[in-house]
Amino acid sequence: MPPAHTGAPVTSGASTLSSPLAPAPDTADGPLSPGRPGYRRMSLALFAAGLATFALLYSTQALLPAISAGFGVTAGQASWTVSAATGALALFVLPLSALSERFGRTRMMTWSMVLAVGVGLLVPFAPNLEWLVVLRAVQGAAIAGIPASAMAYLAEEVRPKALVGAIGLFVAGNSIGGMSGRIVTGWAAQLWGWRAGLLSVGLMALACAVAFLVLLPRARFFRPASLNPRAVGRTVAGHLRDPLLLRLYGIGALFMTVFGAVYTVIGYRLVDAPFSLGQGVVGSVFLVYLVGTVSSAAAGKLVARTGRRGALYLAVTTTALGLLLSLADSLPAILVGLVLITAGFFAGHAVASAAVSRTARTGRAQASALYQSAYYLGSSAGGTLGALAYHASGWAATVGIALLAVVGVASITLYGSHAARVERRISLSAATAR
């Protein structure tokens, strides 16, 4: 078996280098890339995993108005069925990523998928809101083993030049899962009630899990590391001392704050006057996720043309324009706004998550897990704050929360550009002095 090019055992603090990984030799036994045997199977398997992850994680989001009516609770209370899942994911993703360093990426993803789908088939039978929130939290904790392990798996098994594109396909699966899950639950809820909607997405995730288990190639470059809490702590501390990684974590959290706020609340806005749309039609609105599929899959080409920060600036601008457009009391304007928000978010997420995988030279599972923790904490914060703002002052207040997060992303990216210029000047001065 060829030597491992990535995924070295975690025995020390993480490096703070931000350069890409050195390319592996272009041999038949080397890491996967487009056109290589196994690359298509890997892409399809992780696409199915991404689809199931987002479909399950946000299975209640499109149903929040129906859940509010069914249990007689407010938007803020119902939003906990989403925030509990994303919050639990954020808390468990780091410890589960550490276990993946010992037991393997594929094993962790497999068990996480099986448990998440199993709980997903129980969720529709929750007798009250409290039990629904508890089951959703358990489901979020189970899902936590998938995202960070998937990112680490890709960083180890895929050639560096193909990494952004491969991660983009995984993120594209997220967008398809989010879209199809909401559409299926919306129409099933309109026909048979919200419990039938949740059951339908559980069955869809079951089909994705089967496809994932059948298609995923074995890991060839993973090397198990011992479970050493001190070593893991040093690795995590090293990542948290890396200025670039910290900026990427902040960007992921703030982008997801926007996304969580918008998509937790948009259902309430569309079922209320003056739109008064049915649950099935509201679910169909999430067809705009197709735009996210395209923008995330195209993130690699965008970075190649504009650079990482250029791609982030474009994502920020697109998202902000979509938020402003969504303020209009016009359904076409709102739909166009959602298209722009979705395109900007998924592009920004794909760029930032790929940059994390390329930046971390050791402890990639922990680096990806920290990103996922920040990302889903942003989702929980955005969903809860967005719902509370809507309940207090309407859609404009929700958009205000989201715009503040967008300003945060722009500020971090501007600071990164400034820091890069300063670093180049210092390097040039040092070279001139020699």
Protein backbone atom coordinates (compact mmCIF):
# COMPACT_ATOMS: atom_id res chain seq x y z
CA MET A 1 0.00 0.00 0.00
CA PRO A 2 1.41 3.44 -0.85
CA PRO A 3 2.49 5.71 1.95
CA ALA A 4 -0.03 8.13 3.37
CA HIS A 5 0.19 11.63 1.99
CA THR A 6 -2.31 13.07 4.44
CA GLY A 7 -4.03 12.29 7.69
CA ALA A 8 -0.93 11.78 9.82
CA PRO A 9 -1.60 10.59 13.34
CA VAL A 10 -2.34 13.39 15.78
CA THR A 11 0.64 13.53 18.06
CA SER A 12 1.34 17.24 18.34
CA GLY A 13 -0.18 20.62 17.90
CA ALA A 14 -1.43 21.55 14.47
CA SER A 15 0.76 23.42 12.07
CA THR A 16 -0.23 26.96 11.29
CA LEU A 17 1.00 26.80 7.72
CA SER A 18 -1.63 27.85 5.21
CA SER A 19 -0.09 26.57 1.98
CA PRO A 20 -1.85 23.81 0.00
CA LEU A 21 -0.86 20.21 0.38
CA ALA A 22 1.91 19.00 -1.86
CA PRO A 23 0.50 17.09 -4.86
CA ALA A 24 0.80 13.35 -4.73
CA PRO A 25 2.47 11.45 -7.56
CA ASP A 26 0.12 10.94 -10.50
CA THR A 27 -0.03 7.15 -10.35
CA ALA A 28 -2.87 4.67 -10.52
CA ASP A 29 -2.43 4.04 -6.79
CA GLY A 30 -2.39 7.74 -5.90
CA PRO A 31 -5.21 9.86 -4.49
CA LEU A 32 -8.44 10.08 -6.45
CA SER A 33 -9.12 12.76 -9.05
CA PRO A 34 -11.68 13.23 -11.86
CA GLY A 35 -11.35 10.46 -14.41
CA ARG A 36 -9.70 8.06 -11.97
CA PRO A 37 -11.34 4.72 -11.03
CA GLY A 38 -13.34 5.14 -7.88
CA TYR A 39 -13.71 8.93 -8.08
CA ARG A 40 -17.25 8.76 -9.44
CA ARG A 41 -18.33 6.18 -6.83
CA MET A 42 -16.80 8.32 -4.08
CA SER A 43 -18.54 11.43 -5.39
CA LEU A 44 -21.92 9.70 -5.60
CA ALA A 45 -21.53 8.16 -2.13
CA LEU A 46 -20.69 11.45 -0.46
CA PHE A 47 -23.35 13.23 -2.49
CA ALA A 48 -25.86 10.76 -0.99
CA ALA A 49 -24.40 11.35 2.48
CA GLY A 50 -24.67 15.12 2.05
CA LEU A 51 -28.23 14.77 0.79
CA ALA A 52 -29.29 12.66 3.77
CA THR A 53 -27.46 14.94 6.23
CA PHE A 54 -29.26 18.14 5.24
CA ALA A 55 -32.61 16.43 4.64
CA LEU A 56 -32.58 14.98 8.17
CA LEU A 57 -30.97 17.92 9.92
CA TYR A 58 -33.50 20.42 8.64
CA SER A 59 -36.48 18.09 8.33
CA THR A 60 -38.66 20.21 10.62
CA GLN A 61 -37.68 23.60 9.20
CA ALA A 62 -40.24 23.80 6.39
CA LEU A 63 -42.88 22.38 8.76
CA LEU A 64 -42.47 24.93 11.54
CA PRO A 65 -45.80 26.72 10.90
CA ALA A 66 -47.61 23.36 10.97
CA ILE A 67 -45.74 22.26 14.10
CA SER A 68 -46.60 25.57 15.77
CA ALA A 69 -50.26 25.03 14.96
CA GLY A 70 -50.21 21.35 15.94
CA PHE A 71 -48.69 21.94 19.38
CA GLY A 72 -50.06 25.45 19.92
CA VAL A 73 -46.62 27.08 20.32
CA THR A 74 -44.90 30.22 19.02
CA ALA A 75 -42.40 30.46 16.18
CA GLY A 76 -39.57 30.83 18.70
CA GLN A 77 -40.58 27.67 20.56
CA ALA A 78 -41.05 25.63 17.38
CA SER A 79 -37.67 26.81 16.07
CA TRP A 80 -36.01 24.72 18.80
CA THR A 81 -36.82 21.62 16.75
CA VAL A 82 -34.22 22.93 14.32
CA SER A 83 -31.82 24.60 16.76
CA ALA A 84 -31.65 21.53 19.03
CA ALA A 85 -30.46 19.39 16.12
CA THR A 86 -27.89 21.88 14.83
CA GLY A 87 -26.71 22.74 18.34
CA ALA A 88 -26.18 19.07 19.25
CA LEU A 89 -24.29 18.57 16.00
CA ALA A 90 -22.04 21.51 16.88
CA LEU A 91 -21.30 20.05 20.33
CA PHE A 92 -20.62 16.47 19.20
CA VAL A 93 -18.77 17.00 15.93
CA LEU A 94 -15.38 17.56 17.61
CA PRO A 95 -15.36 14.49 19.91
CA LEU A 96 -16.69 12.29 17.10
CA SER A 97 -14.02 13.59 14.74
CA ALA A 98 -11.41 12.57 17.34
CA LEU A 99 -12.90 9.07 17.34
CA SER A 100 -12.67 9.05 13.54
CA GLU A 101 -8.90 9.57 13.87
CA ARG A 102 -8.76 6.26 15.74
CA PHE A 103 -11.50 4.16 14.15
CA GLY A 104 -11.58 5.54 10.61
CA ARG A 105 -13.56 8.02 8.53
CA THR A 106 -15.70 5.43 6.75
CA ARG A 107 -16.63 3.60 9.95
CA MET A 108 -17.60 6.85 11.68
CA MET A 109 -19.69 8.02 8.74
CA THR A 110 -21.39 4.62 8.49
CA TRP A 111 -22.43 4.43 12.16
CA SER A 112 -23.51 8.08 12.16
CA MET A 113 -25.66 7.51 9.10
CA VAL A 114 -27.31 4.40 10.53
CA LEU A 115 -28.10 6.05 13.88
CA ALA A 116 -29.34 9.30 12.34
CA VAL A 117 -31.69 7.46 9.99
CA GLY A 118 -32.92 5.23 12.82
CA VAL A 119 -33.82 8.24 14.97
CA GLY A 120 -35.32 9.92 11.92
CA LEU A 121 -37.84 7.10 11.67
CA LEU A 122 -38.83 7.68 15.32
CA VAL A 123 -39.16 11.48 15.14
CA PRO A 124 -42.62 11.50 13.48
CA PHE A 125 -44.09 9.72 16.52
CA ALA A 126 -43.01 12.29 19.14
CA PRO A 127 -46.03 12.81 21.45
CA ASN A 128 -45.31 16.48 22.25
CA LEU A 129 -42.93 19.34 21.50
CA GLU A 130 -40.58 18.44 24.33
CA TRP A 131 -40.05 14.90 23.05
CA LEU A 132 -39.70 16.18 19.50
CA VAL A 133 -36.93 18.55 20.59
CA VAL A 134 -35.16 15.76 22.51
CA LEU A 135 -35.28 13.34 19.57
CA ARG A 136 -34.06 16.07 17.24
CA ALA A 137 -31.12 16.75 19.56
CA VAL A 138 -30.22 13.04 19.56
CA GLN A 139 -30.51 13.02 15.78
CA GLY A 140 -28.22 16.05 15.48
CA ALA A 141 -25.63 14.34 17.71
CA ALA A 142 -25.78 11.23 15.50
CA ILE A 143 -25.40 13.27 12.32
CA ALA A 144 -22.31 14.96 13.77
CA GLY A 145 -20.03 12.10 12.72
CA ILE A 146 -20.70 12.68 9.03
CA PRO A 147 -19.55 16.23 8.07
CA ALA A 148 -16.11 16.42 9.72
CA SER A 149 -15.28 12.80 8.83
CA ALA A 150 -16.35 13.42 5.23
CA MET A 151 -14.11 16.48 4.92
CA ALA A 152 -11.15 14.61 6.41
CA TYR A 153 -11.84 11.60 4.16
CA LEU A 154 -11.78 13.84 1.09
CA ALA A 155 -8.59 15.62 2.21
CA GLU A 156 -6.87 12.21 2.53
CA GLU A 157 -8.27 10.42 -0.51
CA VAL A 158 -8.50 13.18 -3.17
CA ARG A 159 -5.69 15.00 -4.94
CA PRO A 160 -5.27 18.55 -3.61
CA LYS A 161 -6.06 20.21 -6.95
CA ALA A 162 -9.39 18.36 -7.07
CA LEU A 163 -10.26 18.95 -3.40
CA VAL A 164 -12.38 22.09 -3.76
CA GLY A 165 -14.42 20.46 -6.51
CA ALA A 166 -14.90 17.25 -4.49
CA ILE A 167 -16.00 19.17 -1.40
CA GLY A 168 -18.22 21.26 -3.63
CA LEU A 169 -20.02 18.08 -4.72
CA PHE A 170 -20.52 17.07 -1.10
CA VAL A 171 -21.92 20.52 -0.33
CA ALA A 172 -24.07 20.22 -3.46
CA GLY A 173 -25.54 17.10 -1.90
CA ASN A 174 -26.33 19.24 1.14
CA SER A 175 -28.24 21.69 -1.02
CA ILE A 176 -30.17 18.94 -2.86
CA GLY A 177 -30.98 17.33 0.49
CA GLY A 178 -32.20 20.59 1.91
CA MET A 179 -34.33 21.23 -1.15
CA SER A 180 -35.81 17.77 -1.63
CA GLY A 181 -36.39 17.27 2.08
CA ARG A 182 -38.37 20.47 2.36
CA ILE A 183 -40.38 19.81 -0.81
CA VAL A 184 -41.23 16.24 0.20
CA THR A 185 -42.15 17.21 3.77
CA GLY A 186 -44.16 20.21 2.59
CA TRP A 187 -46.42 18.30 0.20
CA ALA A 188 -46.71 15.26 2.48
CA ALA A 189 -47.69 17.59 5.34
CA GLN A 190 -50.29 19.35 3.20
CA LEU A 191 -51.83 16.01 2.20
CA TRP A 192 -51.49 13.95 5.39
CA GLY A 193 -50.12 16.18 8.17
CA TRP A 194 -46.69 17.19 9.41
CA ARG A 195 -45.96 13.79 10.98
CA ALA A 196 -46.30 12.16 7.57
CA GLY A 197 -43.93 14.82 6.25
CA LEU A 198 -41.27 13.84 8.78
CA LEU A 199 -41.75 10.15 8.03
CA SER A 200 -41.30 10.77 4.32
CA VAL A 201 -37.95 12.46 4.80
CA GLY A 202 -36.85 9.61 7.08
CA LEU A 203 -37.59 7.08 4.35
CA MET A 204 -35.76 9.22 1.78
CA ALA A 205 -32.70 9.35 4.07
CA LEU A 206 -32.88 5.56 4.45
CA ALA A 207 -32.55 5.17 0.67
CA CYS A 208 -29.57 7.56 0.68
CA ALA A 209 -27.92 5.58 3.48
CA VAL A 210 -28.18 2.38 1.46
CA ALA A 211 -26.61 4.10 -1.58
CA PHE A 212 -23.81 5.48 0.60
CA LEU A 213 -22.98 2.08 2.10
CA VAL A 214 -22.92 0.40 -1.32
CA LEU A 215 -20.90 3.04 -3.20
CA LEU A 216 -18.28 4.45 -0.80
CA PRO A 217 -14.75 3.24 -1.70
CA ARG A 218 -12.55 1.99 1.11
CA ALA A 219 -10.12 4.50 2.60
CA ARG A 220 -6.60 3.88 1.27
CA PHE A 221 -4.62 6.66 2.96
CA PHE A 222 -6.11 6.72 6.44
CA ARG A 223 -3.71 5.80 9.24
CA PRO A 224 -5.27 5.30 12.70
CA ALA A 225 -4.02 7.42 15.57
CA SER A 226 -4.20 6.56 19.24
CA LEU A 227 -6.94 8.16 21.33
CA ASN A 228 -4.80 10.57 23.30
CA PRO A 229 -6.90 13.39 24.80
CA ARG A 230 -3.82 15.53 25.45
CA ALA A 231 -2.65 15.15 21.86
CA VAL A 232 -6.13 16.00 20.59
CA GLY A 233 -6.19 19.01 22.93
CA ARG A 234 -2.83 20.19 21.57
CA THR A 235 -4.08 19.75 18.01
CA VAL A 236 -7.26 21.71 18.72
CA ALA A 237 -5.30 24.43 20.51
CA GLY A 238 -2.95 24.66 17.54
CA HIS A 239 -5.86 25.11 15.16
CA LEU A 240 -7.37 27.79 17.40
CA ARG A 241 -4.06 29.66 17.37
CA ASP A 242 -3.98 29.71 13.56
CA PRO A 243 -5.25 33.14 12.45
CA LEU A 244 -6.36 31.88 9.03
CA LEU A 245 -8.34 28.98 10.48
CA LEU A 246 -9.98 31.30 13.02
CA ARG A 247 -11.08 33.60 10.22
CA LEU A 248 -12.48 30.67 8.25
CA TYR A 249 -14.39 29.43 11.30
CA GLY A 250 -15.86 32.89 11.79
CA ILE A 251 -16.87 33.10 8.14
CA GLY A 252 -18.60 29.71 8.29
CA ALA A 253 -20.49 30.63 11.48
CA LEU A 254 -21.67 33.98 10.15
CA PHE A 255 -22.71 32.65 6.73
CA MET A 256 -24.74 29.96 8.48
CA THR A 257 -26.31 32.57 10.78
CA VAL A 258 -27.73 34.19 7.66
CA PHE A 259 -28.93 30.89 6.27
CA GLY A 260 -30.44 29.71 9.54
CA ALA A 261 -32.32 32.96 10.11
CA VAL A 262 -33.73 33.17 6.59
CA TYR A 263 -34.83 29.59 6.12
CA THR A 264 -36.19 29.11 9.63
CA VAL A 265 -38.50 32.11 9.24
CA ILE A 266 -39.38 32.22 5.53
CA GLY A 267 -42.11 29.59 5.94
CA TYR A 268 -43.91 31.77 8.49
CA ARG A 269 -43.72 34.77 6.21
CA LEU A 270 -45.14 32.91 3.23
CA VAL A 271 -48.04 31.28 5.09
CA ASP A 272 -48.98 34.65 6.63
CA ALA A 273 -50.82 37.46 4.80
CA PRO A 274 -50.48 38.85 2.18
CA PHE A 275 -49.18 35.61 0.61
CA SER A 276 -51.13 32.95 2.57
CA LEU A 277 -49.49 30.05 0.73
CA GLY A 278 -50.22 26.40 1.51
CA GLN A 279 -47.67 24.14 3.19
CA GLY A 280 -46.96 22.26 -0.04
CA VAL A 281 -46.36 25.45 -2.02
CA VAL A 282 -44.09 26.77 0.74
CA GLY A 283 -42.10 23.54 0.52
CA SER A 284 -41.81 23.94 -3.25
CA VAL A 285 -40.22 27.35 -2.74
CA PHE A 286 -37.11 25.46 -1.66
CA LEU A 287 -36.51 24.53 -5.28
CA VAL A 288 -34.20 27.54 -5.13
CA TYR A 289 -31.73 25.16 -3.46
CA LEU A 290 -30.86 24.03 -6.98
CA VAL A 291 -29.01 27.31 -7.29
CA GLY A 292 -26.96 26.33 -4.25
CA THR A 293 -26.11 23.03 -5.92
CA VAL A 294 -24.71 24.88 -8.92
CA SER A 295 -22.87 27.56 -6.94
CA SER A 296 -21.22 25.12 -4.52
CA ALA A 297 -20.16 22.73 -7.29
CA ALA A 298 -18.71 25.70 -9.22
CA ALA A 299 -16.79 27.03 -6.21
CA GLY A 300 -13.52 25.46 -7.37
CA LYS A 301 -13.62 27.27 -10.72
CA LEU A 302 -14.58 30.51 -8.98
CA VAL A 303 -11.58 30.29 -6.65
CA ALA A 304 -9.30 29.53 -9.61
CA ARG A 305 -10.45 32.73 -11.34
CA THR A 306 -10.79 35.19 -8.47
CA GLY A 307 -8.82 33.67 -5.58
CA ARG A 308 -10.32 32.61 -2.26
CA ARG A 309 -10.99 36.11 -0.96
CA GLY A 310 -12.34 37.26 -4.30
CA ALA A 311 -14.83 34.38 -4.24
CA LEU A 312 -15.84 35.31 -0.69
CA TYR A 313 -16.39 38.96 -1.65
CA LEU A 314 -18.64 37.82 -4.49
CA ALA A 315 -20.56 35.51 -2.13
CA VAL A 316 -21.03 38.32 0.41
CA THR A 317 -22.28 40.76 -2.21
CA THR A 318 -24.71 38.24 -3.68
CA THR A 319 -26.11 37.32 -0.25
CA ALA A 320 -26.56 40.96 0.81
CA LEU A 321 -28.40 41.83 -2.41
CA GLY A 322 -30.72 38.86 -1.90
CA LEU A 323 -31.52 39.93 1.67
CA LEU A 324 -32.37 43.47 0.60
CA LEU A 325 -34.53 42.23 -2.27
CA SER A 326 -36.46 39.91 0.06
CA LEU A 327 -37.81 42.93 1.95
CA ALA A 328 -40.26 43.67 -0.86
CA ASP A 329 -43.88 42.57 -0.39
CA SER A 330 -43.76 40.82 -3.74
CA LEU A 331 -43.55 37.04 -4.13
CA PRO A 332 -41.37 37.20 -7.29
CA ALA A 333 -38.97 39.60 -5.54
CA ILE A 334 -38.79 37.32 -2.51
CA LEU A 335 -38.06 34.30 -4.70
CA VAL A 336 -35.28 36.13 -6.55
CA GLY A 337 -33.93 37.24 -3.19
CA LEU A 338 -33.89 33.65 -1.94
CA VAL A 339 -32.07 32.58 -5.10
CA LEU A 340 -29.33 35.15 -4.46
CA ILE A 341 -29.09 34.35 -0.75
CA THR A 342 -28.82 30.62 -1.49
CA ALA A 343 -26.23 31.04 -4.24
CA GLY A 344 -24.09 33.33 -2.09
CA PHE A 345 -24.30 31.15 0.99
CA PHE A 346 -23.43 27.84 -0.67
CA ALA A 347 -20.55 29.37 -2.63
CA GLY A 348 -19.13 30.98 0.50
CA HIS A 349 -19.52 27.77 2.52
CA ALA A 350 -17.83 25.62 -0.14
CA VAL A 351 -14.89 28.04 -0.40
CA ALA A 352 -14.40 28.36 3.37
CA SER A 353 -14.74 24.64 4.16
CA ALA A 354 -12.33 23.67 1.38
CA ALA A 355 -9.84 26.27 2.64
CA VAL A 356 -9.96 24.67 6.10
CA SER A 357 -9.12 21.24 4.67
CA ARG A 358 -6.23 22.68 2.64
CA THR A 359 -4.86 24.79 5.50
CA ALA A 360 -4.65 22.11 8.19
CA ARG A 361 -1.55 20.00 7.64
CA THR A 362 -2.21 17.70 10.63
CA GLY A 363 -5.34 16.85 12.59
CA ARG A 364 -7.61 17.53 9.61
CA ALA A 365 -10.59 15.87 11.26
CA GLN A 366 -10.27 18.26 14.21
CA ALA A 367 -9.81 21.25 11.90
CA SER A 368 -12.92 20.31 9.92
CA ALA A 369 -14.80 19.56 13.15
CA LEU A 370 -14.05 23.00 14.54
CA TYR A 371 -15.35 24.51 11.32
CA GLN A 372 -18.49 22.39 11.50
CA SER A 373 -18.99 23.35 15.16
CA ALA A 374 -18.78 27.04 14.33
CA TYR A 375 -20.95 26.53 11.26
CA TYR A 376 -23.79 24.78 13.07
CA LEU A 377 -23.60 27.04 16.12
CA GLY A 378 -24.19 29.81 13.60
CA SER A 379 -27.19 27.89 12.30
CA SER A 380 -28.64 27.50 15.81
CA ALA A 381 -28.06 31.15 16.63
CA GLY A 382 -29.48 32.32 13.31
CA GLY A 383 -32.58 30.13 13.55
CA THR A 384 -33.40 31.14 17.12
CA LEU A 385 -32.57 34.85 16.75
CA GLY A 386 -34.30 35.04 13.38
CA ALA A 387 -37.49 33.49 14.77
CA LEU A 388 -37.50 35.71 17.85
CA ALA A 389 -36.91 38.79 15.68
CA TYR A 390 -39.76 37.81 13.36
CA HIS A 391 -42.12 37.21 16.28
CA ALA A 392 -41.21 40.64 17.72
CA SER A 393 -40.98 42.88 14.65
CA GLY A 394 -41.57 40.91 11.44
CA TRP A 395 -39.44 39.96 8.45
CA ALA A 396 -37.47 43.23 8.39
CA ALA A 397 -36.05 42.39 11.83
CA THR A 398 -34.99 38.94 10.63
CA VAL A 399 -33.26 40.50 7.62
CA GLY A 400 -31.53 42.95 9.97
CA ILE A 401 -30.03 40.02 11.94
CA ALA A 402 -28.86 38.40 8.69
CA LEU A 403 -27.33 41.62 7.34
CA LEU A 404 -25.30 42.06 10.51
CA ALA A 405 -23.86 38.59 9.93
CA VAL A 406 -23.05 39.46 6.31
CA VAL A 407 -21.22 42.57 7.46
CA GLY A 408 -19.24 40.32 9.81
CA VAL A 409 -18.18 38.06 6.92
CA ALA A 410 -17.13 41.07 4.85
CA SER A 411 -15.13 42.49 7.77
CA ILE A 412 -13.28 39.23 8.37
CA THR A 413 -12.47 38.88 4.67
CA LEU A 414 -11.23 42.49 4.47
CA TYR A 415 -9.04 41.89 7.50
CA GLY A 416 -7.66 38.76 5.84
CA SER A 417 -6.80 40.74 2.71
CA HIS A 418 -5.03 43.36 4.84
CA ALA A 419 -3.12 40.70 6.80
CA ALA A 420 -2.01 39.03 3.55
CA ARG A 421 -0.69 42.36 2.18
CA VAL A 422 1.22 43.03 5.40
CA GLU A 423 2.71 39.53 5.33
CA ARG A 424 3.82 39.99 1.71
CA ARG A 425 5.49 43.33 2.53
CA ILE A 426 7.32 41.78 5.49
CA SER A 427 8.50 38.84 3.34
CA LEU A 428 9.63 41.21 0.58
CA SER A 429 11.52 43.40 3.07
CA ALA A 430 13.24 40.35 4.57
CA ALA A 431 14.23 39.12 1.12
CA THR A 432 15.57 42.56 0.17
CA ALA A 433 17.58 42.80 3.38
CA ARG A 434 19.29 39.51 2.60
